C-alpha atoms as a PDB file:
ATOM      1  CA  MET A   1      14.999   9.117  -2.492  1.00  0.00           C
ATOM      2  CA  GLN A   2      15.016  12.104  -4.733  1.00  0.00           C
ATOM      3  CA  LYS A   3      10.784  11.896  -4.067  1.00  0.00           C
ATOM      4  CA  LEU A   4      10.557  11.534  -0.868  1.00  0.00           C
ATOM      5  CA  ARG A   5      13.052  14.793  -0.638  1.00  0.00           C
ATOM      6  CA  ASP A   6      10.840  16.894  -3.359  1.00  0.00           C
ATOM      7  CA  ARG A   7       7.568  15.984  -1.314  1.00  0.00           C
ATOM      8  CA  HIS A   8       9.066  17.090   2.005  1.00  0.00           C
ATOM      9  CA  ILE A   9       9.774  20.573   0.015  1.00  0.00           C
ATOM     10  CA  ASN A  10       6.668  20.864  -0.972  1.00  0.00           C
ATOM     11  CA  ILE A  11       5.340  20.484   2.796  1.00  0.00           C
ATOM     12  CA  ASP A  12       7.750  23.031   3.676  1.00  0.00           C
ATOM     13  CA  LYS A  13       6.530  25.659   0.840  1.00  0.00           C
ATOM     14  CA  ALA A  14       2.761  24.795   1.784  1.00  0.00           C
ATOM     15  CA  ALA A  15       3.641  25.076   5.611  1.00  0.00           C
ATOM     16  CA  THR A  16       5.576  28.742   4.876  1.00  0.00           C
ATOM     17  CA  MET A  17       2.944  29.822   2.733  1.00  0.00           C
ATOM     18  CA  SER A  18       0.665  28.929   5.635  1.00  0.00           C
ATOM     19  CA  ILE A  19       2.417  31.338   7.884  1.00  0.00           C
ATOM     20  CA  VAL A  20       2.404  33.976   5.671  1.00  0.00           C
ATOM     21  CA  ILE A  21      -1.011  34.273   4.889  1.00  0.00           C
ATOM     22  CA  ASN A  22      -1.717  33.892   9.388  1.00  0.00           C
ATOM     23  CA  CYS A  23       0.113  36.450  10.020  1.00  0.00           C
ATOM     24  CA  VAL A  24      -1.417  38.524   7.007  1.00  0.00           C
ATOM     25  CA  GLU A  25      -4.596  38.297   8.957  1.00  0.00           C
ATOM     26  CA  VAL A  26      -3.603  38.757  12.079  1.00  0.00           C
ATOM     27  CA  VAL A  27      -2.900  41.869  11.000  1.00  0.00           C
ATOM     28  CA  LEU A  28      -5.961  42.828   9.206  1.00  0.00           C
ATOM     29  CA  LEU A  29      -7.885  41.609  12.227  1.00  0.00           C
ATOM     30  CA  VAL A  30      -6.320  43.774  14.654  1.00  0.00           C
ATOM     31  CA  ALA A  31      -6.934  46.798  12.388  1.00  0.00           C
ATOM     32  CA  LEU A  32     -10.574  45.792  12.394  1.00  0.00           C
ATOM     33  CA  LEU A  33     -10.781  45.445  16.003  1.00  0.00           C
ATOM     34  CA  VAL A  34      -8.637  48.991  16.577  1.00  0.00           C
ATOM     35  CA  ALA A  35     -11.566  49.973  14.288  1.00  0.00           C
ATOM     36  CA  ASP A  36     -14.393  48.942  16.225  1.00  0.00           C
ATOM     37  CA  MET A  37     -12.721  50.057  19.721  1.00  0.00           C
ATOM     38  CA  PHE A  38     -12.265  53.640  18.825  1.00  0.00           C
ATOM     39  CA  ASP A  39     -14.979  55.742  17.840  1.00  0.00           C
ATOM     40  CA  LEU A  40     -13.377  56.670  14.635  1.00  0.00           C
ATOM     41  CA  SER A  41     -14.419  59.528  11.785  1.00  0.00           C
ATOM     42  CA  GLU A  42     -16.745  58.412   9.043  1.00  0.00           C
ATOM     43  CA  GLU A  43     -14.113  59.462   7.097  1.00  0.00           C
ATOM     44  CA  LEU A  44     -11.617  57.177   8.800  1.00  0.00           C
ATOM     45  CA  LEU A  45     -14.388  54.166   8.618  1.00  0.00           C
ATOM     46  CA  ARG A  46     -14.486  54.314   4.820  1.00  0.00           C
ATOM     47  CA  ILE A  47     -10.063  53.715   4.946  1.00  0.00           C
ATOM     48  CA  VAL A  48     -10.866  50.747   7.181  1.00  0.00           C
ATOM     49  CA  ARG A  49     -13.860  49.765   5.789  1.00  0.00           C
ATOM     50  CA  PRO A  50     -12.230  47.810   2.976  1.00  0.00           C
ATOM     51  CA  PHE A  51      -9.866  45.714   5.553  1.00  0.00           C
ATOM     52  CA  SER A  52     -12.766  43.885   6.560  1.00  0.00           C
ATOM     53  CA  THR A  53     -13.122  43.242   2.609  1.00  0.00           C
ATOM     54  CA  VAL A  54     -10.199  41.672   2.246  1.00  0.00           C
ATOM     55  CA  ALA A  55      -9.640  39.987   5.702  1.00  0.00           C
ATOM     56  CA  LEU A  56     -13.070  38.082   4.778  1.00  0.00           C
ATOM     57  CA  VAL A  57     -11.172  37.032   1.170  1.00  0.00           C
ATOM     58  CA  VAL A  58      -7.500  36.077   3.379  1.00  0.00           C
ATOM     59  CA  LEU A  59     -10.170  34.179   5.676  1.00  0.00           C
ATOM     60  CA  ILE A  60     -11.624  32.327   2.659  1.00  0.00           C
ATOM     61  CA  VAL A  61      -8.228  31.587   0.738  1.00  0.00           C
ATOM     62  CA  GLU A  62      -6.678  30.259   3.998  1.00  0.00           C
ATOM     63  CA  GLY A  63     -10.323  27.865   4.461  1.00  0.00           C
ATOM     64  CA  LEU A  64      -9.654  26.760   1.018  1.00  0.00           C
ATOM     65  CA  THR A  65      -5.830  26.299   1.379  1.00  0.00           C
ATOM     66  CA  SER A  66      -6.625  24.396   4.718  1.00  0.00           C
ATOM     67  CA  VAL A  67      -8.768  22.433   3.266  1.00  0.00           C
ATOM     68  CA  ARG A  68      -6.441  21.228  -0.016  1.00  0.00           C
ATOM     69  CA  ASP A  69      -2.985  20.899   2.673  1.00  0.00           C
ATOM     70  CA  GLY A  70      -5.315  18.404   5.124  1.00  0.00           C
ATOM     71  CA  PHE A  71      -5.396  16.630   1.486  1.00  0.00           C
ATOM     72  CA  VAL A  72      -2.320  16.258   0.550  1.00  0.00           C
ATOM     73  CA  TRP A  73      -1.114  15.771   4.052  1.00  0.00           C
ATOM     74  CA  LYS A  74      -3.272  12.898   4.407  1.00  0.00           C
ATOM     75  CA  LYS A  75      -2.168  11.645   1.257  1.00  0.00           C
ATOM     76  CA  THR A  76       1.594  11.648   2.315  1.00  0.00           C
ATOM     77  CA  ASN A  77       1.073  10.015   5.744  1.00  0.00           C
ATOM     78  CA  ARG A  78      -0.723   7.199   3.608  1.00  0.00           C
ATOM     79  CA  GLN A  79       2.268   6.474   1.319  1.00  0.00           C
ATOM     80  CA  ASN A  80       4.750   6.880   4.062  1.00  0.00           C
ATOM     81  CA  GLU A  81       2.791   4.106   5.806  1.00  0.00           C
ATOM     82  CA  MET A  82       2.996   2.624   2.542  1.00  0.00           C
ATOM     83  CA  LEU A  83       6.840   2.188   2.327  1.00  0.00           C
ATOM     84  CA  ARG A  84       7.428   1.727   6.030  1.00  0.00           C
ATOM     85  CA  GLU A  85       5.950  -1.347   5.627  1.00  0.00           C
ATOM     86  CA  ALA A  86       7.745  -2.036   2.054  1.00  0.00           C
ATOM     87  CA  PHE A  87      10.408  -1.263   4.254  1.00  0.00           C
ATOM     88  CA  ASP A  88       9.751  -3.900   6.560  1.00  0.00           C
ATOM     89  CA  GLN A  89       9.153  -6.821   4.147  1.00  0.00           C
ATOM     90  CA  LEU A  90      12.485  -5.696   3.109  1.00  0.00           C
ATOM     91  CA  ASP A  91      14.492  -6.431   5.518  1.00  0.00           C
ATOM     92  CA  ASP A  92      12.331  -9.522   6.570  1.00  0.00           C
ATOM     93  CA  LEU A  93      13.531 -11.226   2.807  1.00  0.00           C
ATOM     94  CA  ASN A  94      16.880  -9.565   3.379  1.00  0.00           C
ATOM     95  CA  THR A  95      17.331 -11.313   6.958  1.00  0.00           C
ATOM     96  CA  GLN A  96      15.806 -14.907   5.617  1.00  0.00           C
ATOM     97  CA  MET A  97      18.061 -14.516   2.701  1.00  0.00           C
ATOM     98  CA  ARG A  98      20.915 -14.630   5.278  1.00  0.00           C
ATOM     99  CA  LYS A  99      19.966 -16.964   7.317  1.00  0.00           C
ATOM    100  CA  GLN A 100      19.664 -19.645   3.841  1.00  0.00           C
ATOM    101  CA  ARG A 101      23.752 -18.943   2.734  1.00  0.00           C
ATOM    102  CA  HIS A 102      24.153 -19.375   6.538  1.00  0.00           C
ATOM    103  CA  ASP A 103      22.656 -22.404   6.397  1.00  0.00           C
ATOM    104  CA  PHE A 104      23.828 -23.591   3.072  1.00  0.00           C
ATOM    105  CA  LEU A 105      27.380 -24.463   4.358  1.00  0.00           C
ATOM    106  CA  ASN A 106      25.877 -26.716   7.115  1.00  0.00           C
ATOM    107  CA  HIS A 107      23.039 -28.335   4.513  1.00  0.00           C
ATOM    108  CA  LEU A 108      25.956 -29.590   2.424  1.00  0.00           C
ATOM    109  CA  GLN A 109      27.770 -30.723   5.590  1.00  0.00           C
ATOM    110  CA  VAL A 110      24.640 -33.037   6.334  1.00  0.00           C
ATOM    111  CA  VAL A 111      24.106 -34.277   2.856  1.00  0.00           C
ATOM    112  CA  TYR A 112      27.921 -35.456   2.278  1.00  0.00           C
ATOM    113  CA  SER A 113      28.623 -37.285   6.145  1.00  0.00           C
ATOM    114  CA  LEU A 114      25.351 -38.915   4.717  1.00  0.00           C
ATOM    115  CA  VAL A 115      26.490 -40.081   1.411  1.00  0.00           C
ATOM    116  CA  ASP A 116      29.773 -40.483   3.130  1.00  0.00           C
ATOM    117  CA  MET A 117      28.162 -42.936   5.192  1.00  0.00           C
ATOM    118  CA  GLY A 118      26.260 -44.756   2.523  1.00  0.00           C
ATOM    119  CA  GLU A 119      22.815 -43.251   3.520  1.00  0.00           C
ATOM    120  CA  ASN A 120      21.629 -42.728   0.350  1.00  0.00           C
ATOM    121  CA  ALA A 121      17.954 -42.971   0.485  1.00  0.00           C
ATOM    122  CA  GLU A 122      18.595 -40.064   3.733  1.00  0.00           C
ATOM    123  CA  ALA A 123      20.785 -37.705   1.887  1.00  0.00           C
ATOM    124  CA  THR A 124      18.062 -37.792  -0.757  1.00  0.00           C
ATOM    125  CA  LYS A 125      15.028 -37.128   0.997  1.00  0.00           C
ATOM    126  CA  TYR A 126      17.882 -34.486   3.018  1.00  0.00           C
ATOM    127  CA  ILE A 127      18.275 -32.466  -0.024  1.00  0.00           C
ATOM    128  CA  GLU A 128      14.701 -33.075  -0.932  1.00  0.00           C
ATOM    129  CA  THR A 129      13.571 -30.904   1.877  1.00  0.00           C
ATOM    130  CA  VAL A 130      16.220 -28.510   1.421  1.00  0.00           C
ATOM    131  CA  TYR A 131      15.190 -27.879  -2.089  1.00  0.00           C
ATOM    132  CA  GLY A 132      11.956 -27.311  -0.955  1.00  0.00           C
ATOM    133  CA  GLN A 133      12.923 -24.351   1.756  1.00  0.00           C
ATOM    134  CA  MET A 134      14.840 -23.086  -1.124  1.00  0.00           C
ATOM    135  CA  HIS A 135      12.442 -23.000  -3.840  1.00  0.00           C
ATOM    136  CA  ARG A 136       9.776 -21.916  -1.137  1.00  0.00           C
ATOM    137  CA  LEU A 137      12.246 -18.331  -0.797  1.00  0.00           C
ATOM    138  CA  SER A 138      12.922 -17.887  -4.363  1.00  0.00           C
ATOM    139  CA  ALA A 139       9.167 -18.212  -5.399  1.00  0.00           C
ATOM    140  CA  GLY A 140       8.132 -14.250  -4.409  1.00  0.00           C
ATOM    141  CA  MET A 141      11.634 -13.492  -6.234  1.00  0.00           C
ATOM    142  CA  LYS A 142      10.301 -13.483 -10.084  1.00  0.00           C
ATOM    143  CA  THR A 143       9.031  -9.738 -10.265  1.00  0.00           C
ATOM    144  CA  ASP A 144      11.816  -6.823 -11.267  1.00  0.00           C
ATOM    145  CA  LYS A 145      10.480  -4.832  -7.994  1.00  0.00           C
ATOM    146  CA  PRO A 146      12.215  -5.756  -4.673  1.00  0.00           C
ATOM    147  CA  ALA A 147       9.172  -4.302  -2.444  1.00  0.00           C
ATOM    148  CA  ILE A 148       6.563  -6.740  -4.113  1.00  0.00           C
ATOM    149  CA  ASN A 149       9.580 -10.171  -4.115  1.00  0.00           C
ATOM    150  CA  ALA A 150       9.518  -9.110  -0.395  1.00  0.00           C
ATOM    151  CA  LEU A 151       5.849  -8.294   0.256  1.00  0.00           C
ATOM    152  CA  LEU A 152       5.492 -12.446  -1.589  1.00  0.00           C
ATOM    153  CA  GLN A 153       7.996 -13.795   0.322  1.00  0.00           C
ATOM    154  CA  ALA A 154       6.928 -12.532   3.931  1.00  0.00           C
ATOM    155  CA  LYS A 155       2.945 -12.840   2.752  1.00  0.00           C
ATOM    156  CA  LEU A 156       4.249 -17.508   1.761  1.00  0.00           C
ATOM    157  CA  GLY A 157       5.884 -17.025   4.740  1.00  0.00           C
ATOM    158  CA  ASP A 158       2.396 -15.859   7.422  1.00  0.00           C
ATOM    159  CA  ALA A 159       0.424 -18.295   4.949  1.00  0.00           C
ATOM    160  CA  GLU A 160       2.837 -21.584   5.900  1.00  0.00           C
ATOM    161  CA  ARG A 161       2.372 -20.410   9.410  1.00  0.00           C
ATOM    162  CA  ARG A 162      -1.510 -19.910   9.070  1.00  0.00           C
ATOM    163  CA  GLY A 163      -2.019 -23.263   7.563  1.00  0.00           C
ATOM    164  CA  VAL A 164      -2.968 -22.235   4.391  1.00  0.00           C
ATOM    165  CA  ARG A 165      -1.210 -23.412   0.998  1.00  0.00           C
ATOM    166  CA  MET A 166      -0.303 -20.320  -0.960  1.00  0.00           C
ATOM    167  CA  GLU A 167       0.546 -20.419  -4.312  1.00  0.00           C
ATOM    168  CA  LEU A 168       2.226 -17.742  -6.544  1.00  0.00           C
ATOM    169  CA  ASP A 169       1.751 -17.971 -10.334  1.00  0.00           C
ATOM    170  CA  VAL A 170       3.918 -14.509 -11.785  1.00  0.00           C
ATOM    171  CA  THR A 171       3.724 -14.528 -15.293  1.00  0.00           C
ATOM    172  CA  SER A 172       5.039 -11.102 -15.394  1.00  0.00           C
ATOM    173  CA  ARG A 173       8.220  -8.885 -14.406  1.00  0.00           C
ATOM    174  CA  TYR A 174       5.984  -5.538 -13.812  1.00  0.00           C
ATOM    175  CA  ALA A 175       8.246  -3.751 -15.162  1.00  0.00           C
ATOM    176  CA  GLY A 176       6.684  -0.760 -16.303  1.00  0.00           C
ATOM    177  CA  LEU A 177       4.410  -0.849 -13.496  1.00  0.00           C
ATOM    178  CA  PRO A 178       1.814   2.354 -13.829  1.00  0.00           C
ATOM    179  CA  MET A 179       1.759   2.195  -9.722  1.00  0.00           C
ATOM    180  CA  ASN A 180       4.901   3.104  -7.378  1.00  0.00           C
ATOM    181  CA  ASP A 181       5.997  -0.438  -5.631  1.00  0.00           C
ATOM    182  CA  TRP A 182       4.874   0.463  -2.249  1.00  0.00           C
ATOM    183  CA  GLU A 183       1.464   1.221  -3.062  1.00  0.00           C
ATOM    184  CA  MET A 184       1.171  -2.279  -5.019  1.00  0.00           C
ATOM    185  CA  CYS A 185       2.820  -3.572  -1.664  1.00  0.00           C
ATOM    186  CA  ARG A 186      -0.766  -1.937  -0.349  1.00  0.00           C
ATOM    187  CA  VAL A 187      -2.925  -3.125  -3.195  1.00  0.00           C
ATOM    188  CA  LEU A 188      -1.573  -7.342  -2.875  1.00  0.00           C
ATOM    189  CA  GLY A 189      -1.303  -6.780   0.784  1.00  0.00           C
ATOM    190  CA  ASN A 190      -4.598  -6.354   1.862  1.00  0.00           C
ATOM    191  CA  LEU A 191      -6.181  -8.475  -0.582  1.00  0.00           C
ATOM    192  CA  ILE A 192      -3.657 -11.228   0.449  1.00  0.00           C
ATOM    193  CA  ASP A 193      -4.723 -10.821   3.842  1.00  0.00           C
ATOM    194  CA  ASN A 194      -8.472 -10.514   3.494  1.00  0.00           C
ATOM    195  CA  ALA A 195      -8.288 -14.266   1.893  1.00  0.00           C
ATOM    196  CA  MET A 196      -6.526 -15.461   4.871  1.00  0.00           C
ATOM    197  CA  ASP A 197      -8.653 -13.874   7.349  1.00  0.00           C
ATOM    198  CA  ALA A 198     -11.945 -15.404   5.387  1.00  0.00           C
ATOM    199  CA  MET A 199      -9.849 -18.833   5.240  1.00  0.00           C
ATOM    200  CA  GLU A 200      -9.336 -18.491   8.887  1.00  0.00           C
ATOM    201  CA  GLY A 201      -9.627 -21.907  11.200  1.00  0.00           C
ATOM    202  CA  MET A 202     -10.439 -23.696   8.149  1.00  0.00           C
ATOM    203  CA  GLU A 203      -8.687 -26.896   6.809  1.00  0.00           C
ATOM    204  CA  GLY A 204      -7.129 -27.117   3.132  1.00  0.00           C
ATOM    205  CA  GLY A 205      -7.402 -23.771   2.882  1.00  0.00           C
ATOM    206  CA  ARG A 206      -5.815 -22.626  -0.164  1.00  0.00           C
ATOM    207  CA  LEU A 207      -4.885 -19.159  -1.641  1.00  0.00           C
ATOM    208  CA  VAL A 208      -3.364 -18.138  -5.530  1.00  0.00           C
ATOM    209  CA  VAL A 209      -1.826 -15.015  -6.617  1.00  0.00           C
ATOM    210  CA  GLU A 210      -1.629 -14.421  -9.826  1.00  0.00           C
ATOM    211  CA  LEU A 211       0.976 -11.198 -11.593  1.00  0.00           C
ATOM    212  CA  TYR A 212       0.262 -10.991 -15.259  1.00  0.00           C
ATOM    213  CA  GLU A 213       0.453  -9.213 -18.205  1.00  0.00           C
ATOM    214  CA  ASP A 214      -1.314  -8.519 -21.565  1.00  0.00           C
ATOM    215  CA  ILE A 215      -0.371  -6.389 -24.460  1.00  0.00           C
ATOM    216  CA  ARG A 216      -2.742  -3.284 -23.052  1.00  0.00           C
ATOM    217  CA  SER A 217      -2.347  -3.867 -19.257  1.00  0.00           C
ATOM    218  CA  TYR A 218      -0.965  -5.257 -16.009  1.00  0.00           C
ATOM    219  CA  GLY A 219      -3.102  -7.614 -14.076  1.00  0.00           C
ATOM    220  CA  PHE A 220      -3.488  -9.318 -10.518  1.00  0.00           C
ATOM    221  CA  ARG A 221      -5.787 -11.857  -9.019  1.00  0.00           C
ATOM    222  CA  VAL A 222      -6.055 -13.045  -5.628  1.00  0.00           C
ATOM    223  CA  VAL A 223      -8.250 -16.524  -5.110  1.00  0.00           C
ATOM    224  CA  ASN A 224      -8.785 -18.445  -2.205  1.00  0.00           C
ATOM    225  CA  ASN A 225     -11.224 -21.406  -1.746  1.00  0.00           C
ATOM    226  CA  GLY A 226     -13.177 -20.002   1.325  1.00  0.00           C
ATOM    227  CA  PRO A 227     -16.886 -19.897   2.271  1.00  0.00           C
ATOM    228  CA  ALA A 228     -18.352 -17.544  -0.906  1.00  0.00           C
ATOM    229  CA  ILE A 229     -19.352 -13.502  -0.024  1.00  0.00           C
ATOM    230  CA  ASP A 230     -22.984 -12.923   0.992  1.00  0.00           C
ATOM    231  CA  PRO A 231     -24.626 -11.168  -2.534  1.00  0.00           C
ATOM    232  CA  GLU A 232     -25.964  -8.661  -0.305  1.00  0.00           C
ATOM    233  CA  VAL A 233     -22.084  -7.400   1.133  1.00  0.00           C
ATOM    234  CA  LEU A 234     -20.824  -7.576  -2.541  1.00  0.00           C
ATOM    235  CA  PRO A 235     -21.939  -4.386  -3.979  1.00  0.00           C
ATOM    236  CA  ARG A 236     -21.043  -2.126  -1.257  1.00  0.00           C
ATOM    237  CA  ILE A 237     -17.442  -4.805  -0.459  1.00  0.00           C
ATOM    238  CA  PHE A 238     -15.197  -1.825  -1.514  1.00  0.00           C
ATOM    239  CA  ASN A 239     -17.383   1.154   0.042  1.00  0.00           C
ATOM    240  CA  THR A 240     -15.442   2.972   3.002  1.00  0.00           C
ATOM    241  CA  GLY A 241     -16.044   1.555   6.424  1.00  0.00           C
ATOM    242  CA  PHE A 242     -17.523  -1.284   5.554  1.00  0.00           C
ATOM    243  CA  THR A 243     -16.939  -4.236   6.687  1.00  0.00           C
ATOM    244  CA  THR A 244     -18.011  -8.031   8.356  1.00  0.00           C
ATOM    245  CA  LYS A 245     -14.756  -8.052  10.609  1.00  0.00           C
ATOM    246  CA  ALA A 246     -15.641  -7.541  13.901  1.00  0.00           C
ATOM    247  CA  ALA A 247     -12.471  -5.449  14.910  1.00  0.00           C
ATOM    248  CA  GLY A 248     -11.871  -3.887  11.246  1.00  0.00           C
ATOM    249  CA  HIS A 249     -12.195  -0.212  10.337  1.00  0.00           C
ATOM    250  CA  GLY A 250     -13.443  -1.455   6.788  1.00  0.00           C
ATOM    251  CA  LEU A 251     -10.351   0.853   5.289  1.00  0.00           C
ATOM    252  CA  GLY A 252      -8.021  -1.939   3.572  1.00  0.00           C
ATOM    253  CA  LEU A 253     -10.746  -2.334   0.732  1.00  0.00           C
ATOM    254  CA  SER A 254     -11.573   0.824  -0.287  1.00  0.00           C
ATOM    255  CA  ILE A 255      -7.721   1.732   0.332  1.00  0.00           C
ATOM    256  CA  VAL A 256      -7.081  -1.045  -2.681  1.00  0.00           C
ATOM    257  CA  LYS A 257      -9.550   0.517  -5.126  1.00  0.00           C
ATOM    258  CA  GLU A 258      -8.629   3.915  -4.706  1.00  0.00           C
ATOM    259  CA  LEU A 259      -5.360   3.308  -5.057  1.00  0.00           C
ATOM    260  CA  VAL A 260      -6.271   1.331  -8.489  1.00  0.00           C
ATOM    261  CA  GLU A 261      -8.579   3.622  -9.822  1.00  0.00           C
ATOM    262  CA  ASP A 262      -5.964   6.609  -9.744  1.00  0.00           C
ATOM    263  CA  CYS A 263      -3.737   4.999 -12.181  1.00  0.00           C
ATOM    264  CA  GLY A 264      -6.028   4.307 -13.995  1.00  0.00           C
ATOM    265  CA  GLY A 265      -6.986   0.835 -13.442  1.00  0.00           C
ATOM    266  CA  GLU A 266     -10.270  -1.538 -12.323  1.00  0.00           C
ATOM    267  CA  ILE A 267     -10.773  -3.804  -9.992  1.00  0.00           C
ATOM    268  CA  SER A 268     -13.690  -6.362  -9.306  1.00  0.00           C
ATOM    269  CA  VAL A 269     -14.489  -9.350  -7.402  1.00  0.00           C
ATOM    270  CA  GLN A 270     -16.440 -12.213  -7.706  1.00  0.00           C
ATOM    271  CA  SER A 271     -17.565 -14.627  -5.421  1.00  0.00           C
ATOM    272  CA  ALA A 272     -19.209 -18.657  -5.202  1.00  0.00           C
ATOM    273  CA  PRO A 273     -19.049 -21.833  -2.682  1.00  0.00           C
ATOM    274  CA  GLY A 274     -15.266 -22.636  -2.841  1.00  0.00           C
ATOM    275  CA  ARG A 275     -13.745 -19.447  -5.000  1.00  0.00           C
ATOM    276  CA  THR A 276     -13.347 -16.069  -4.326  1.00  0.00           C
ATOM    277  CA  ALA A 277     -11.765 -13.744  -7.041  1.00  0.00           C
ATOM    278  CA  PHE A 278     -10.455 -10.602  -6.658  1.00  0.00           C
ATOM    279  CA  ALA A 279      -9.291  -9.283  -9.546  1.00  0.00           C
ATOM    280  CA  GLY A 280      -7.702  -5.708 -10.766  1.00  0.00           C
ATOM    281  CA  THR A 281      -5.501  -4.464 -14.039  1.00  0.00           C
ATOM    282  CA  LEU A 282      -3.716  -1.342 -14.433  1.00  0.00           C
ATOM    283  CA  PRO A 283      -3.363   0.115 -17.968  1.00  0.00           C
ATOM    284  CA  LYS A 284      -0.100   0.465 -19.251  1.00  0.00           C
ATOM    285  CA  GLY A 285       2.029   3.255 -19.310  1.00  0.00           C
ATOM    286  CA  GLU A 286       4.450   6.139 -17.186  1.00  0.00           C
ATOM    287  CA  ILE A 287       3.499   6.356 -13.893  1.00  0.00           C
ATOM    288  CA  ARG A 288       1.545   9.420 -12.994  1.00  0.00           C
ATOM    289  CA  GLU A 289       2.970  12.966 -13.685  1.00  0.00           C
ATOM    290  CA  GLU A 290       2.369  13.774  -9.780  1.00  0.00           C
ATOM    291  CA  GLU A 291       4.982  11.012  -8.860  1.00  0.00           C
ATOM    292  CA  SER A 292       7.132  11.529 -11.599  1.00  0.00           C
ATOM    293  CA  LYS A 293       7.938  15.089 -10.863  1.00  0.00           C
END
């Protein structure tokens, strides 16, 4: 939250500076207009003429400032969007956990009743079913990042609804991840969604999400067993605007690449019939200086 407040202060300062620059520009332009409307002496023209140079400089500075602010606001808007997605995923996880807690006592009562009636086989079957549900809930809660855990849990539910068998192989807690949590959610979310879209309508769809680390970096890999990507498409797949989807905008994978490379990481794709894998690495180290201020 402190970072959000600091970002708000920076935007407020930028807005104030823009107002000041525009006010100065208006004054100078009015002075030039007056000079042009009235027949001034040569001496007065020499006095007024420098204002034209100053006005031109102000216009250039304003233009450059507007371009810079445009990029800043665009980035801020994108980060706010990722924050909203992360909060939605956390809320979804919280709702599921509350439902599980509410149902837990009911499950115990059912098991107790089955055992009391001597239906041991049914009790065992019921326990195994409940255990599977509880295991799916806890499967995504293996990192130290609540937002990432919430994302993985939400995608597990989404995969189940779409008939895709999704597996998690999490061997790192991502404790020192050099990327903000909501940015990592954007990366993983896009890759997982693309993988499930690629398997749409196929039988036996399988998706594996791996989160790991070694001595130098944190890694992630999203693998699906859908159709292979056309070799002619692979070199352009991370390009802005490129998409193979009828209703797509071609922004997902380009944003993923930008987020990964912004913190010094790398991402690649390999595809063959029955196996398409997007893999990336993020260097170990501190969160980027601009984000930690």
